[in-house]
Amino acid sequence: GGSAEEALAIAQRFEGTEQPFFADTLAWAYFQNGNVEQANAYSQIAVDGINGPNAEVLYHRGVIAAATGDAETARDVLTQALEAPGKTEKVSPEVIQSALDAL
């Protein structure tokens, strides 16, 4: 319920993490605050560290990759996200497909 700035302030405690879900949280907070470079770095850490595919982590990676102009990576991970477990109400198949369609 807070602002993107508040979310980032809270998530920054995860700076330097190698834990994939903390890295994903930090990546998304950076992305929501317009820091695509930091978001990209942490989303890669998250994807590299997860043990098996996770739709939410892959979706975040795809959206962030698209924002950096890396359409190839975005398409690849968003396609993986469609098949992966871990979908949520906010990261539904429709949301993932919409991100793919926007590429």
N, C-alpha and C. Protein backbone atom coordinates (compact mmCIF):
# COMPACT_ATOMS: atom_id res chain seq x y z
N GLY A 1 0.80 -1.20 0.00
CA GLY A 1 0.00 0.00 0.00
C GLY A 1 0.83 1.26 0.00
N GLY A 2 2.16 1.14 0.15
CA GLY A 2 3.01 2.32 0.18
C GLY A 2 3.45 2.72 -1.21
N SER A 3 4.31 3.70 -1.25
CA SER A 3 4.81 4.20 -2.53
C SER A 3 5.99 3.37 -3.03
N ALA A 4 6.31 3.58 -4.29
CA ALA A 4 7.46 2.89 -4.89
C ALA A 4 8.75 3.27 -4.17
N GLU A 5 8.83 4.52 -3.74
CA GLU A 5 10.03 4.98 -3.01
C GLU A 5 10.16 4.28 -1.67
N GLU A 6 9.04 4.10 -0.98
CA GLU A 6 9.07 3.39 0.30
C GLU A 6 9.46 1.93 0.10
N ALA A 7 8.94 1.31 -0.95
CA ALA A 7 9.27 -0.08 -1.24
C ALA A 7 10.76 -0.24 -1.50
N LEU A 8 11.33 0.70 -2.26
CA LEU A 8 12.76 0.63 -2.52
C LEU A 8 13.57 0.82 -1.25
N ALA A 9 13.17 1.77 -0.42
CA ALA A 9 13.89 2.00 0.84
C ALA A 9 13.92 0.73 1.69
N ILE A 10 12.82 0.01 1.71
CA ILE A 10 12.76 -1.25 2.47
C ILE A 10 13.60 -2.32 1.79
N ALA A 11 13.48 -2.45 0.48
CA ALA A 11 14.18 -3.50 -0.26
C ALA A 11 15.69 -3.30 -0.30
N GLN A 12 16.15 -2.08 -0.13
CA GLN A 12 17.59 -1.83 -0.22
C GLN A 12 18.38 -2.53 0.86
N ARG A 13 17.72 -3.05 1.86
CA ARG A 13 18.45 -3.84 2.86
C ARG A 13 19.01 -5.12 2.24
N PHE A 14 18.52 -5.48 1.04
CA PHE A 14 18.99 -6.66 0.34
C PHE A 14 20.17 -6.39 -0.59
N GLU A 15 20.69 -5.17 -0.58
CA GLU A 15 21.86 -4.84 -1.42
C GLU A 15 22.95 -5.88 -1.21
N GLY A 16 23.53 -6.34 -2.31
CA GLY A 16 24.62 -7.29 -2.25
C GLY A 16 24.18 -8.74 -2.10
N THR A 17 22.87 -8.98 -2.05
CA THR A 17 22.38 -10.34 -1.84
C THR A 17 22.62 -11.22 -3.06
N GLU A 18 22.77 -12.48 -2.80
CA GLU A 18 22.80 -13.51 -3.85
C GLU A 18 21.57 -14.40 -3.74
N GLN A 19 20.72 -14.16 -2.73
CA GLN A 19 19.51 -14.94 -2.54
C GLN A 19 18.51 -14.50 -3.62
N PRO A 20 18.05 -15.44 -4.46
CA PRO A 20 17.28 -15.05 -5.63
C PRO A 20 15.98 -14.29 -5.36
N PHE A 21 15.24 -14.66 -4.34
CA PHE A 21 13.97 -13.98 -4.11
C PHE A 21 14.17 -12.59 -3.51
N PHE A 22 15.21 -12.42 -2.71
CA PHE A 22 15.55 -11.07 -2.23
C PHE A 22 16.05 -10.21 -3.40
N ALA A 23 16.86 -10.81 -4.27
CA ALA A 23 17.37 -10.09 -5.44
C ALA A 23 16.21 -9.68 -6.35
N ASP A 24 15.23 -10.56 -6.51
CA ASP A 24 14.07 -10.24 -7.33
C ASP A 24 13.28 -9.08 -6.74
N THR A 25 13.09 -9.11 -5.44
CA THR A 25 12.37 -8.01 -4.76
C THR A 25 13.10 -6.69 -4.97
N LEU A 26 14.40 -6.71 -4.80
CA LEU A 26 15.19 -5.49 -4.99
C LEU A 26 15.17 -5.04 -6.44
N ALA A 27 15.28 -5.99 -7.37
CA ALA A 27 15.23 -5.65 -8.80
C ALA A 27 13.92 -4.96 -9.14
N TRP A 28 12.81 -5.50 -8.67
CA TRP A 28 11.51 -4.93 -9.00
C TRP A 28 11.34 -3.55 -8.36
N ALA A 29 11.84 -3.39 -7.15
CA ALA A 29 11.77 -2.08 -6.50
C ALA A 29 12.60 -1.05 -7.28
N TYR A 30 13.80 -1.44 -7.71
CA TYR A 30 14.59 -0.53 -8.53
C TYR A 30 13.86 -0.20 -9.83
N PHE A 31 13.29 -1.19 -10.47
CA PHE A 31 12.57 -0.97 -11.72
C PHE A 31 11.42 0.00 -11.52
N GLN A 32 10.65 -0.20 -10.47
CA GLN A 32 9.50 0.66 -10.19
C GLN A 32 9.92 2.10 -9.91
N ASN A 33 11.18 2.29 -9.56
CA ASN A 33 11.70 3.62 -9.29
C ASN A 33 12.54 4.17 -10.44
N GLY A 34 12.53 3.47 -11.57
CA GLY A 34 13.20 3.97 -12.77
C GLY A 34 14.68 3.69 -12.86
N ASN A 35 15.22 2.90 -11.96
CA ASN A 35 16.65 2.56 -12.02
C ASN A 35 16.79 1.21 -12.72
N VAL A 36 16.73 1.27 -14.05
CA VAL A 36 16.72 0.05 -14.85
C VAL A 36 18.06 -0.67 -14.80
N GLU A 37 19.15 0.07 -14.69
CA GLU A 37 20.48 -0.56 -14.64
C GLU A 37 20.62 -1.46 -13.40
N GLN A 38 20.28 -0.93 -12.24
CA GLN A 38 20.35 -1.74 -11.02
C GLN A 38 19.31 -2.87 -11.07
N ALA A 39 18.13 -2.57 -11.58
CA ALA A 39 17.09 -3.59 -11.71
C ALA A 39 17.58 -4.74 -12.57
N ASN A 40 18.23 -4.41 -13.67
CA ASN A 40 18.73 -5.44 -14.58
C ASN A 40 19.75 -6.34 -13.88
N ALA A 41 20.66 -5.75 -13.15
CA ALA A 41 21.69 -6.53 -12.47
C ALA A 41 21.07 -7.49 -11.44
N TYR A 42 20.15 -6.99 -10.63
CA TYR A 42 19.56 -7.84 -9.60
C TYR A 42 18.58 -8.86 -10.18
N SER A 43 17.91 -8.53 -11.28
CA SER A 43 17.01 -9.52 -11.86
C SER A 43 17.80 -10.68 -12.46
N GLN A 44 19.00 -10.40 -12.97
CA GLN A 44 19.85 -11.48 -13.48
C GLN A 44 20.32 -12.37 -12.33
N ILE A 45 20.68 -11.77 -11.21
CA ILE A 45 21.06 -12.56 -10.03
C ILE A 45 19.90 -13.46 -9.62
N ALA A 46 18.69 -12.92 -9.64
CA ALA A 46 17.51 -13.70 -9.23
C ALA A 46 17.30 -14.89 -10.15
N VAL A 47 17.33 -14.66 -11.46
CA VAL A 47 17.11 -15.76 -12.41
C VAL A 47 18.22 -16.79 -12.32
N ASP A 48 19.44 -16.33 -12.19
CA ASP A 48 20.58 -17.26 -12.10
C ASP A 48 20.52 -18.11 -10.84
N GLY A 49 19.91 -17.59 -9.78
CA GLY A 49 19.94 -18.28 -8.50
C GLY A 49 18.74 -19.14 -8.18
N ILE A 50 17.65 -18.99 -8.94
CA ILE A 50 16.47 -19.78 -8.58
C ILE A 50 16.69 -21.26 -8.90
N ASN A 51 16.12 -22.07 -8.05
CA ASN A 51 16.23 -23.52 -8.22
C ASN A 51 14.97 -23.99 -8.92
N GLY A 52 15.00 -23.94 -10.25
CA GLY A 52 13.82 -24.26 -11.04
C GLY A 52 13.10 -22.98 -11.43
N PRO A 53 12.32 -23.03 -12.48
CA PRO A 53 11.67 -21.82 -12.98
C PRO A 53 10.61 -21.30 -12.02
N ASN A 54 10.45 -19.99 -12.00
CA ASN A 54 9.43 -19.33 -11.20
C ASN A 54 8.84 -18.22 -12.06
N ALA A 55 7.54 -18.27 -12.29
CA ALA A 55 6.89 -17.34 -13.21
C ALA A 55 7.09 -15.88 -12.81
N GLU A 56 6.97 -15.57 -11.55
CA GLU A 56 7.09 -14.18 -11.13
C GLU A 56 8.50 -13.65 -11.33
N VAL A 57 9.50 -14.41 -10.96
CA VAL A 57 10.90 -14.00 -11.15
C VAL A 57 11.19 -13.85 -12.65
N LEU A 58 10.74 -14.79 -13.44
CA LEU A 58 10.97 -14.73 -14.89
C LEU A 58 10.23 -13.55 -15.52
N TYR A 59 9.02 -13.29 -15.07
CA TYR A 59 8.26 -12.14 -15.58
C TYR A 59 9.00 -10.84 -15.28
N HIS A 60 9.43 -10.69 -14.04
CA HIS A 60 10.17 -9.48 -13.68
C HIS A 60 11.42 -9.33 -14.55
N ARG A 61 12.15 -10.44 -14.74
CA ARG A 61 13.36 -10.39 -15.58
C ARG A 61 13.00 -9.98 -17.00
N GLY A 62 11.92 -10.52 -17.52
CA GLY A 62 11.53 -10.19 -18.88
C GLY A 62 11.14 -8.74 -19.06
N VAL A 63 10.36 -8.21 -18.15
CA VAL A 63 9.94 -6.82 -18.23
C VAL A 63 11.14 -5.89 -18.09
N ILE A 64 12.04 -6.22 -17.19
CA ILE A 64 13.24 -5.40 -17.00
C ILE A 64 14.14 -5.50 -18.22
N ALA A 65 14.33 -6.69 -18.77
CA ALA A 65 15.15 -6.84 -19.98
C ALA A 65 14.56 -6.03 -21.12
N ALA A 66 13.24 -6.05 -21.27
CA ALA A 66 12.60 -5.25 -22.31
C ALA A 66 12.88 -3.77 -22.12
N ALA A 67 12.87 -3.32 -20.87
CA ALA A 67 13.13 -1.90 -20.59
C ALA A 67 14.56 -1.50 -20.93
N THR A 68 15.47 -2.47 -20.93
CA THR A 68 16.86 -2.17 -21.29
C THR A 68 17.08 -2.25 -22.80
N GLY A 69 16.04 -2.69 -23.52
CA GLY A 69 16.16 -2.85 -24.97
C GLY A 69 16.59 -4.23 -25.40
N ASP A 70 16.69 -5.17 -24.47
CA ASP A 70 17.11 -6.53 -24.77
C ASP A 70 15.88 -7.39 -25.05
N ALA A 71 15.31 -7.21 -26.23
CA ALA A 71 14.07 -7.91 -26.59
C ALA A 71 14.26 -9.42 -26.67
N GLU A 72 15.45 -9.86 -27.07
CA GLU A 72 15.70 -11.31 -27.18
C GLU A 72 15.60 -11.98 -25.82
N THR A 73 16.28 -11.42 -24.82
CA THR A 73 16.20 -11.98 -23.47
C THR A 73 14.79 -11.86 -22.94
N ALA A 74 14.16 -10.72 -23.16
CA ALA A 74 12.79 -10.51 -22.68
C ALA A 74 11.86 -11.58 -23.24
N ARG A 75 11.92 -11.82 -24.53
CA ARG A 75 11.06 -12.80 -25.17
C ARG A 75 11.32 -14.20 -24.61
N ASP A 76 12.59 -14.53 -24.43
CA ASP A 76 12.97 -15.85 -23.93
C ASP A 76 12.42 -16.09 -22.53
N VAL A 77 12.67 -15.17 -21.61
CA VAL A 77 12.25 -15.41 -20.22
C VAL A 77 10.75 -15.25 -20.03
N LEU A 78 10.12 -14.37 -20.80
CA LEU A 78 8.66 -14.27 -20.71
C LEU A 78 7.99 -15.53 -21.23
N THR A 79 8.55 -16.12 -22.27
CA THR A 79 8.03 -17.39 -22.78
C THR A 79 8.19 -18.48 -21.73
N GLN A 80 9.33 -18.50 -21.06
CA GLN A 80 9.53 -19.46 -19.98
C GLN A 80 8.53 -19.22 -18.85
N ALA A 81 8.26 -17.96 -18.55
CA ALA A 81 7.33 -17.61 -17.47
C ALA A 81 5.93 -18.14 -17.73
N LEU A 82 5.53 -18.17 -18.99
CA LEU A 82 4.20 -18.70 -19.32
C LEU A 82 4.05 -20.16 -18.89
N GLU A 83 5.12 -20.92 -18.97
CA GLU A 83 5.08 -22.35 -18.64
C GLU A 83 5.47 -22.65 -17.20
N ALA A 84 6.00 -21.68 -16.50
CA ALA A 84 6.55 -21.90 -15.16
C ALA A 84 5.50 -21.86 -14.07
N PRO A 85 5.74 -22.59 -12.99
CA PRO A 85 4.88 -22.45 -11.81
C PRO A 85 5.18 -21.13 -11.12
N GLY A 86 4.34 -20.76 -10.18
CA GLY A 86 4.60 -19.56 -9.39
C GLY A 86 3.84 -18.34 -9.88
N LYS A 87 2.83 -18.56 -10.72
CA LYS A 87 2.01 -17.44 -11.17
C LYS A 87 1.19 -16.93 -10.00
N THR A 88 0.89 -15.64 -10.03
CA THR A 88 0.11 -15.00 -8.99
C THR A 88 -1.01 -14.20 -9.64
N GLU A 89 -1.83 -13.58 -8.83
CA GLU A 89 -2.88 -12.73 -9.38
C GLU A 89 -2.28 -11.57 -10.19
N LYS A 90 -1.17 -11.02 -9.71
CA LYS A 90 -0.53 -9.91 -10.41
C LYS A 90 0.32 -10.38 -11.59
N VAL A 91 0.78 -11.60 -11.53
CA VAL A 91 1.59 -12.18 -12.62
C VAL A 91 0.84 -13.41 -13.14
N SER A 92 -0.23 -13.14 -13.84
CA SER A 92 -1.08 -14.19 -14.40
C SER A 92 -0.61 -14.50 -15.82
N PRO A 93 -1.09 -15.58 -16.39
CA PRO A 93 -0.75 -15.86 -17.79
C PRO A 93 -1.12 -14.70 -18.73
N GLU A 94 -2.23 -14.03 -18.44
CA GLU A 94 -2.65 -12.91 -19.28
C GLU A 94 -1.68 -11.74 -19.19
N VAL A 95 -1.19 -11.47 -18.00
CA VAL A 95 -0.21 -10.38 -17.81
C VAL A 95 1.09 -10.71 -18.52
N ILE A 96 1.52 -11.95 -18.40
CA ILE A 96 2.75 -12.38 -19.06
C ILE A 96 2.59 -12.29 -20.57
N GLN A 97 1.47 -12.77 -21.09
CA GLN A 97 1.22 -12.71 -22.53
C GLN A 97 1.16 -11.27 -23.03
N SER A 98 0.59 -10.40 -22.25
CA SER A 98 0.52 -8.99 -22.61
C SER A 98 1.92 -8.39 -22.73
N ALA A 99 2.81 -8.76 -21.81
CA ALA A 99 4.19 -8.28 -21.89
C ALA A 99 4.89 -8.82 -23.13
N LEU A 100 4.62 -10.06 -23.45
CA LEU A 100 5.18 -10.66 -24.69
C LEU A 100 4.65 -9.94 -25.92
N ASP A 101 3.37 -9.67 -25.95
CA ASP A 101 2.76 -9.01 -27.09
C ASP A 101 3.29 -7.59 -27.29
N ALA A 102 3.75 -6.97 -26.21
CA ALA A 102 4.25 -5.60 -26.28
C ALA A 102 5.66 -5.52 -26.85
N LEU A 103 6.34 -6.67 -27.00
CA LEU A 103 7.72 -6.65 -27.51
C LEU A 103 7.75 -6.35 -28.99
